[in-house]
Amino acid sequence: MQKPDRIFPASVKTVGLTSPASLPDATRIAEAKRYLEEVCGVKVKLAPGALRRGPMKYCCGTPETRLNDFHALLNDPDVDLILCTRGGFGSAHILPRLDFDLLRERNLPVYGYSDISALHLAMLAKHAGIAVCAPMADGLPDAMKRPEAKTSFRNVLRKTSAPRKFALRPVEGSIRVESVSGPLVLSNLTVMTTLCGTPWMPDLRGTVLALEDVHEEARVLDRHLTHLVQAGIVTQASAVVFGYFTACSPKPQIRRLLRDFAAATGKPVFQGLPFGHEHPKCSYLCGAPVEIRPVTSSQANRP
């Protein structure tokens, strides 16, 4: 019998799959389930409504269905980790009635990115559970084909007291520093903007704020970055890091936007973190300490 390819800690025996946001492709989830069970050697429990089409085509099921699914996994003593199936939209719907006390008690890791940023930010704000920015079920088998992504996925929950170190390129116009450190908070830019002024936005003082987005025009990204600046979010952070801006256009305007942002904020601003909707999709523990040092393009490495 082939030895399992362990991508989770040994303590994780059962993974719960749920869809807090959009409806995933059933075929892709079946492939992910086979991969987790047959290759990775873990049991999989699929939440009852995780593949249920709802009245709003851009969401899985109804908000109540998604909330009940999340609670069902939290209440299942066999579930050791929650892996979201995909992003899209809908995670914010469940936040007002999510049982954060139960999530705090279970202290389960919740894996995802993109729209799952809403859930992760709320978890940080409420100090509940373990927020892990990582590939989701619908793309997990493909993501794990990249050694860099697989290594970070395996190591993301490894306990260490030392900050995780990155060598990243400063954005042109950014202030120069020898290094910068702080807790790493990662989010989709659009999602973070929508949480401003809500109880689900965590305290970002002293954090290294990492942002990514997908399928947005430069003017929309400009609107969101401007909002974060004027809402005081960027002022709180010790540094800003940009991940992937996948299928965002036009590229020349986006490059200019990032340069102007870096020059105006007076913060260290970096780019090149492998985070977001492209490969390699590396994994990060939200709130964990990191240290970033600036390097030239030729020196930059990926974690």
Protein backbone atom coordinates (compact mmCIF):
# COMPACT_ATOMS: atom_id res chain seq x y z
CA MET A 1 0.00 0.00 0.00
CA GLN A 2 1.36 3.41 -0.96
CA LYS A 3 2.38 5.65 1.92
CA PRO A 4 0.08 8.69 2.26
CA ASP A 5 1.41 12.01 1.05
CA ARG A 6 0.94 14.00 4.24
CA ILE A 7 0.14 17.63 3.49
CA PHE A 8 -1.52 18.24 6.87
CA PRO A 9 -0.11 17.81 10.39
CA ALA A 10 -0.40 14.31 11.83
CA SER A 11 -3.08 15.57 14.22
CA VAL A 12 -5.43 16.22 11.28
CA LYS A 13 -7.35 13.01 10.63
CA THR A 14 -10.59 14.44 9.22
CA VAL A 15 -11.06 17.46 6.97
CA GLY A 16 -14.44 19.15 6.66
CA LEU A 17 -15.35 20.74 3.32
CA THR A 18 -17.79 23.65 3.24
CA SER A 19 -18.80 26.45 0.86
CA PRO A 20 -19.22 29.77 2.70
CA ALA A 21 -19.13 31.70 -0.58
CA SER A 22 -19.94 30.64 -4.16
CA LEU A 23 -21.08 27.28 -5.49
CA PRO A 24 -18.13 25.06 -6.43
CA ASP A 25 -17.94 22.72 -9.39
CA ALA A 26 -19.08 19.29 -8.19
CA THR A 27 -16.57 17.45 -10.39
CA ARG A 28 -13.65 19.46 -9.00
CA ILE A 29 -14.79 18.80 -5.44
CA ALA A 30 -15.07 15.08 -6.16
CA GLU A 31 -11.49 15.18 -7.48
CA ALA A 32 -10.35 17.02 -4.37
CA LYS A 33 -12.12 14.50 -2.13
CA ARG A 34 -10.38 11.60 -3.89
CA TYR A 35 -7.04 13.39 -3.64
CA LEU A 36 -7.44 14.03 0.09
CA GLU A 37 -8.62 10.52 0.88
CA GLU A 38 -6.57 8.38 -1.50
CA VAL A 39 -3.36 10.40 -1.79
CA CYS A 40 -3.19 12.37 1.44
CA GLY A 41 -4.70 9.74 3.73
CA VAL A 42 -7.28 11.89 5.53
CA LYS A 43 -11.00 11.39 5.92
CA VAL A 44 -13.29 13.93 4.31
CA LYS A 45 -16.69 15.13 5.48
CA LEU A 46 -18.62 17.22 2.98
CA ALA A 47 -21.08 19.66 4.57
CA PRO A 48 -24.68 18.87 3.54
CA GLY A 49 -25.22 22.06 1.54
CA ALA A 50 -21.72 22.46 0.12
CA LEU A 51 -22.87 21.63 -3.42
CA ARG A 52 -26.38 23.05 -3.20
CA ARG A 53 -27.43 25.68 -5.74
CA GLY A 54 -29.17 28.65 -4.19
CA PRO A 55 -31.60 31.33 -5.37
CA MET A 56 -28.73 33.76 -6.02
CA LYS A 57 -26.54 32.24 -8.74
CA TYR A 58 -23.38 33.84 -7.37
CA CYS A 59 -23.71 32.13 -3.96
CA CYS A 60 -23.88 28.56 -2.74
CA GLY A 61 -27.26 27.86 -1.22
CA THR A 62 -28.72 30.50 1.08
CA PRO A 63 -26.90 32.36 3.86
CA GLU A 64 -28.70 30.13 6.36
CA THR A 65 -27.54 26.99 4.51
CA ARG A 66 -23.94 28.17 4.51
CA LEU A 67 -24.10 29.17 8.17
CA ASN A 68 -25.62 25.82 9.18
CA ASP A 69 -22.95 23.96 7.22
CA PHE A 70 -20.15 25.83 8.96
CA HIS A 71 -21.72 25.20 12.37
CA ALA A 72 -22.27 21.53 11.54
CA LEU A 73 -18.54 21.09 10.95
CA LEU A 74 -17.69 23.02 14.11
CA ASN A 75 -20.04 20.82 16.12
CA ASP A 76 -18.62 17.60 14.66
CA PRO A 77 -15.96 16.36 17.12
CA ASP A 78 -14.29 14.31 14.37
CA VAL A 79 -13.52 17.35 12.20
CA ASP A 80 -9.97 18.61 12.78
CA LEU A 81 -9.74 21.22 10.03
CA ILE A 82 -12.13 23.17 7.79
CA LEU A 83 -11.19 23.52 4.12
CA CYS A 84 -13.34 25.92 2.12
CA THR A 85 -14.26 24.70 -1.34
CA ARG A 86 -13.86 28.00 -3.25
CA GLY A 87 -14.16 31.80 -3.05
CA GLY A 88 -16.44 34.02 -5.11
CA PHE A 89 -18.87 35.84 -2.83
CA GLY A 90 -21.01 35.14 0.21
CA SER A 91 -18.72 34.71 3.22
CA ALA A 92 -19.76 38.06 4.68
CA HIS A 93 -23.40 36.92 4.81
CA ILE A 94 -22.71 34.42 7.60
CA LEU A 95 -20.61 36.66 9.85
CA PRO A 96 -23.40 38.28 11.93
CA ARG A 97 -24.71 34.91 13.18
CA LEU A 98 -21.49 32.90 13.17
CA ASP A 99 -20.83 31.30 16.57
CA PHE A 100 -17.39 32.75 17.26
CA ASP A 101 -17.49 31.38 20.81
CA LEU A 102 -17.76 27.87 19.40
CA LEU A 103 -15.03 28.55 16.84
CA ARG A 104 -12.84 29.91 19.66
CA GLU A 105 -13.53 26.80 21.72
CA ARG A 106 -12.79 24.36 18.89
CA ASN A 107 -9.86 26.49 17.65
CA LEU A 108 -9.97 24.80 14.25
CA PRO A 109 -7.84 25.89 11.30
CA VAL A 110 -9.95 27.36 8.49
CA TYR A 111 -8.24 27.23 5.07
CA GLY A 112 -9.05 29.50 2.13
CA TYR A 113 -8.36 32.82 0.43
CA SER A 114 -10.11 35.32 -1.88
CA ASP A 115 -13.67 35.82 -0.53
CA ILE A 116 -12.74 33.68 2.49
CA SER A 117 -10.72 36.76 3.53
CA ALA A 118 -13.94 38.07 5.07
CA LEU A 119 -14.08 35.05 7.34
CA HIS A 120 -10.36 35.25 8.15
CA LEU A 121 -10.49 38.95 9.04
CA ALA A 122 -13.49 38.33 11.30
CA MET A 123 -11.64 35.43 12.95
CA LEU A 124 -8.73 37.76 13.69
CA ALA A 125 -11.07 40.45 14.98
CA LYS A 126 -12.84 37.99 17.29
CA HIS A 127 -9.69 36.01 18.21
CA ALA A 128 -11.42 32.80 17.18
CA GLY A 129 -9.99 29.83 15.29
CA ILE A 130 -6.85 29.64 13.17
CA ALA A 131 -7.06 31.60 9.92
CA VAL A 132 -4.94 30.01 7.18
CA CYS A 133 -4.57 31.65 3.77
CA ALA A 134 -4.13 28.63 1.50
CA PRO A 135 -5.37 26.88 -1.66
CA MET A 136 -8.98 25.72 -1.47
CA ALA A 137 -10.51 22.37 -2.30
CA ASP A 138 -11.52 23.14 -5.88
CA GLY A 139 -7.91 23.84 -6.86
CA LEU A 140 -5.97 21.86 -4.28
CA PRO A 141 -4.77 18.90 -6.41
CA ASP A 142 -3.49 21.28 -9.08
CA ALA A 143 -1.88 23.65 -6.55
CA MET A 144 -0.02 20.80 -4.88
CA LYS A 145 1.76 19.99 -8.16
CA ARG A 146 3.98 23.02 -7.51
CA PRO A 147 6.75 22.08 -5.02
CA GLU A 148 6.93 25.60 -3.62
CA ALA A 149 3.22 25.69 -2.87
CA LYS A 150 3.20 22.17 -1.47
CA THR A 151 6.08 22.88 0.89
CA SER A 152 4.42 25.99 2.30
CA PHE A 153 1.08 24.15 2.63
CA ARG A 154 2.78 21.41 4.63
CA ASN A 155 4.63 23.83 6.88
CA VAL A 156 1.98 26.51 7.44
CA LEU A 157 0.84 25.12 10.81
CA ARG A 158 4.32 24.19 12.00
CA LYS A 159 4.94 25.77 15.39
CA THR A 160 7.91 28.13 15.48
CA SER A 161 8.84 31.18 17.52
CA ALA A 162 10.99 32.72 14.77
CA PRO A 163 9.39 35.14 12.28
CA ARG A 164 8.96 33.80 8.77
CA LYS A 165 11.40 35.67 6.54
CA PHE A 166 10.80 37.04 3.05
CA ALA A 167 12.99 38.83 0.55
CA LEU A 168 10.76 41.06 -1.59
CA ARG A 169 11.15 43.90 -4.08
CA PRO A 170 10.18 47.38 -2.90
CA VAL A 171 7.65 49.16 -5.08
CA GLU A 172 9.22 52.15 -6.80
CA GLY A 173 8.65 55.25 -4.69
CA SER A 174 8.46 53.33 -1.41
CA ILE A 175 10.49 54.57 1.54
CA ARG A 176 13.69 52.59 2.09
CA VAL A 177 14.15 50.43 5.16
CA GLU A 178 16.63 47.72 6.09
CA SER A 179 13.81 45.43 7.18
CA VAL A 180 10.28 45.53 8.53
CA SER A 181 8.42 43.09 10.76
CA GLY A 182 5.00 42.48 12.24
CA PRO A 183 2.06 40.06 12.19
CA LEU A 184 1.08 39.13 8.62
CA VAL A 185 -2.54 39.85 7.69
CA LEU A 186 -3.62 38.79 4.21
CA SER A 187 -6.78 39.74 2.36
CA ASN A 188 -8.39 40.21 -0.98
CA LEU A 189 -8.37 43.98 -1.50
CA THR A 190 -12.04 44.24 -2.50
CA VAL A 191 -13.15 42.11 0.44
CA MET A 192 -11.17 44.13 2.98
CA THR A 193 -12.65 47.36 1.68
CA THR A 194 -16.18 46.04 2.20
CA LEU A 195 -15.43 45.25 5.86
CA CYS A 196 -14.33 48.78 6.76
CA GLY A 197 -16.58 50.14 9.51
CA THR A 198 -17.89 46.69 10.47
CA PRO A 199 -17.19 44.64 13.62
CA TRP A 200 -15.32 42.16 11.45
CA MET A 201 -12.30 44.37 10.75
CA PRO A 202 -9.40 43.44 13.06
CA ASP A 203 -6.97 45.81 14.72
CA LEU A 204 -4.24 46.23 12.09
CA ARG A 205 -1.82 48.33 14.12
CA GLY A 206 1.75 47.23 13.45
CA THR A 207 0.77 44.55 10.94
CA VAL A 208 2.29 43.69 7.59
CA LEU A 209 -0.74 43.99 5.33
CA ALA A 210 -0.75 41.77 2.22
CA LEU A 211 -3.30 42.47 -0.53
CA GLU A 212 -4.33 40.74 -3.78
CA ASP A 213 -7.22 40.88 -6.22
CA VAL A 214 -8.60 39.38 -9.40
CA HIS A 215 -10.57 40.55 -12.47
CA GLU A 216 -10.61 44.23 -11.55
CA GLU A 217 -9.81 47.34 -13.56
CA ALA A 218 -7.15 49.77 -12.39
CA ARG A 219 -9.74 52.40 -11.50
CA VAL A 220 -11.54 49.94 -9.21
CA LEU A 221 -8.28 48.97 -7.49
CA ASP A 222 -7.54 52.69 -7.13
CA ARG A 223 -10.95 53.22 -5.50
CA HIS A 224 -10.33 50.42 -3.00
CA LEU A 225 -6.78 51.47 -2.12
CA THR A 226 -7.92 55.06 -1.70
CA HIS A 227 -10.70 53.86 0.61
CA LEU A 228 -8.25 51.90 2.78
CA VAL A 229 -5.99 54.94 3.03
CA GLN A 230 -8.80 57.34 3.91
CA ALA A 231 -10.31 54.87 6.38
CA GLY A 232 -7.00 54.81 8.26
CA ILE A 233 -6.30 51.15 7.54
CA VAL A 234 -3.00 51.76 5.77
CA THR A 235 -1.89 54.19 8.49
CA GLN A 236 -2.19 51.40 11.05
CA ALA A 237 0.02 48.95 9.13
CA SER A 238 3.79 48.90 9.44
CA ALA A 239 4.12 47.88 5.78
CA VAL A 240 2.04 46.89 2.76
CA VAL A 241 2.80 43.93 0.52
CA PHE A 242 1.17 43.27 -2.84
CA GLY A 243 0.52 39.74 -4.07
CA TYR A 244 -0.98 38.77 -7.42
CA PHE A 245 -3.35 41.09 -9.28
CA THR A 246 -4.63 38.40 -11.60
CA ALA A 247 -6.41 39.41 -14.82
CA CYS A 248 -6.43 43.02 -13.65
CA SER A 249 -5.95 45.66 -16.32
CA PRO A 250 -4.58 47.74 -17.87
CA LYS A 251 -1.20 46.64 -16.53
CA PRO A 252 0.64 49.95 -17.14
CA GLN A 253 -1.98 51.81 -15.11
CA ILE A 254 -1.79 49.28 -12.30
CA ARG A 255 2.00 49.64 -12.13
CA ARG A 256 1.56 53.41 -11.98
CA LEU A 257 -1.14 53.03 -9.33
CA LEU A 258 1.12 50.96 -7.08
CA ARG A 259 4.00 53.44 -7.53
CA ASP A 260 1.75 56.38 -6.65
CA PHE A 261 0.35 54.49 -3.66
CA ALA A 262 3.85 53.69 -2.37
CA ALA A 263 5.01 57.29 -2.76
CA ALA A 264 1.93 58.74 -1.07
CA THR A 265 1.63 56.45 1.95
CA GLY A 266 5.08 56.97 3.44
CA LYS A 267 5.15 53.28 4.27
CA PRO A 268 7.45 50.48 3.17
CA VAL A 269 5.60 48.91 0.23
CA PHE A 270 6.70 45.64 -1.37
CA GLN A 271 5.59 43.42 -4.23
CA GLY A 272 6.10 39.85 -5.38
CA LEU A 273 4.56 37.82 -2.56
CA PRO A 274 3.20 34.56 -4.07
CA PHE A 275 -0.30 35.09 -2.74
CA GLY A 276 -3.61 35.14 -4.59
CA HIS A 277 -5.12 33.68 -7.75
CA GLU A 278 -1.99 32.48 -9.58
CA HIS A 279 0.57 29.73 -9.17
CA PRO A 280 2.40 29.10 -7.00
CA LYS A 281 -0.33 29.51 -4.41
CA CYS A 282 1.67 29.56 -1.22
CA SER A 283 0.14 29.25 2.24
CA TYR A 284 0.34 31.64 5.19
CA LEU A 285 -0.79 31.66 8.80
CA CYS A 286 -2.72 34.88 9.30
CA GLY A 287 -1.41 36.87 12.24
CA ALA A 288 1.92 35.03 12.40
CA PRO A 289 5.09 37.16 12.71
CA VAL A 290 7.06 37.87 9.55
CA GLU A 291 10.18 39.80 8.67
CA ILE A 292 10.68 41.36 5.24
CA ARG A 293 13.90 42.70 3.82
CA PRO A 294 14.08 44.60 0.55
CA VAL A 295 16.03 43.18 -2.36
CA THR A 296 16.45 43.84 -6.05
CA SER A 297 14.46 41.86 -8.62
CA SER A 298 17.38 39.51 -9.24
CA GLN A 299 17.77 38.79 -5.52
CA ALA A 300 14.13 38.30 -4.68
CA ASN A 301 13.13 34.89 -3.42
CA ARG A 302 9.82 33.26 -2.73
CA PRO A 303 8.99 31.62 0.58
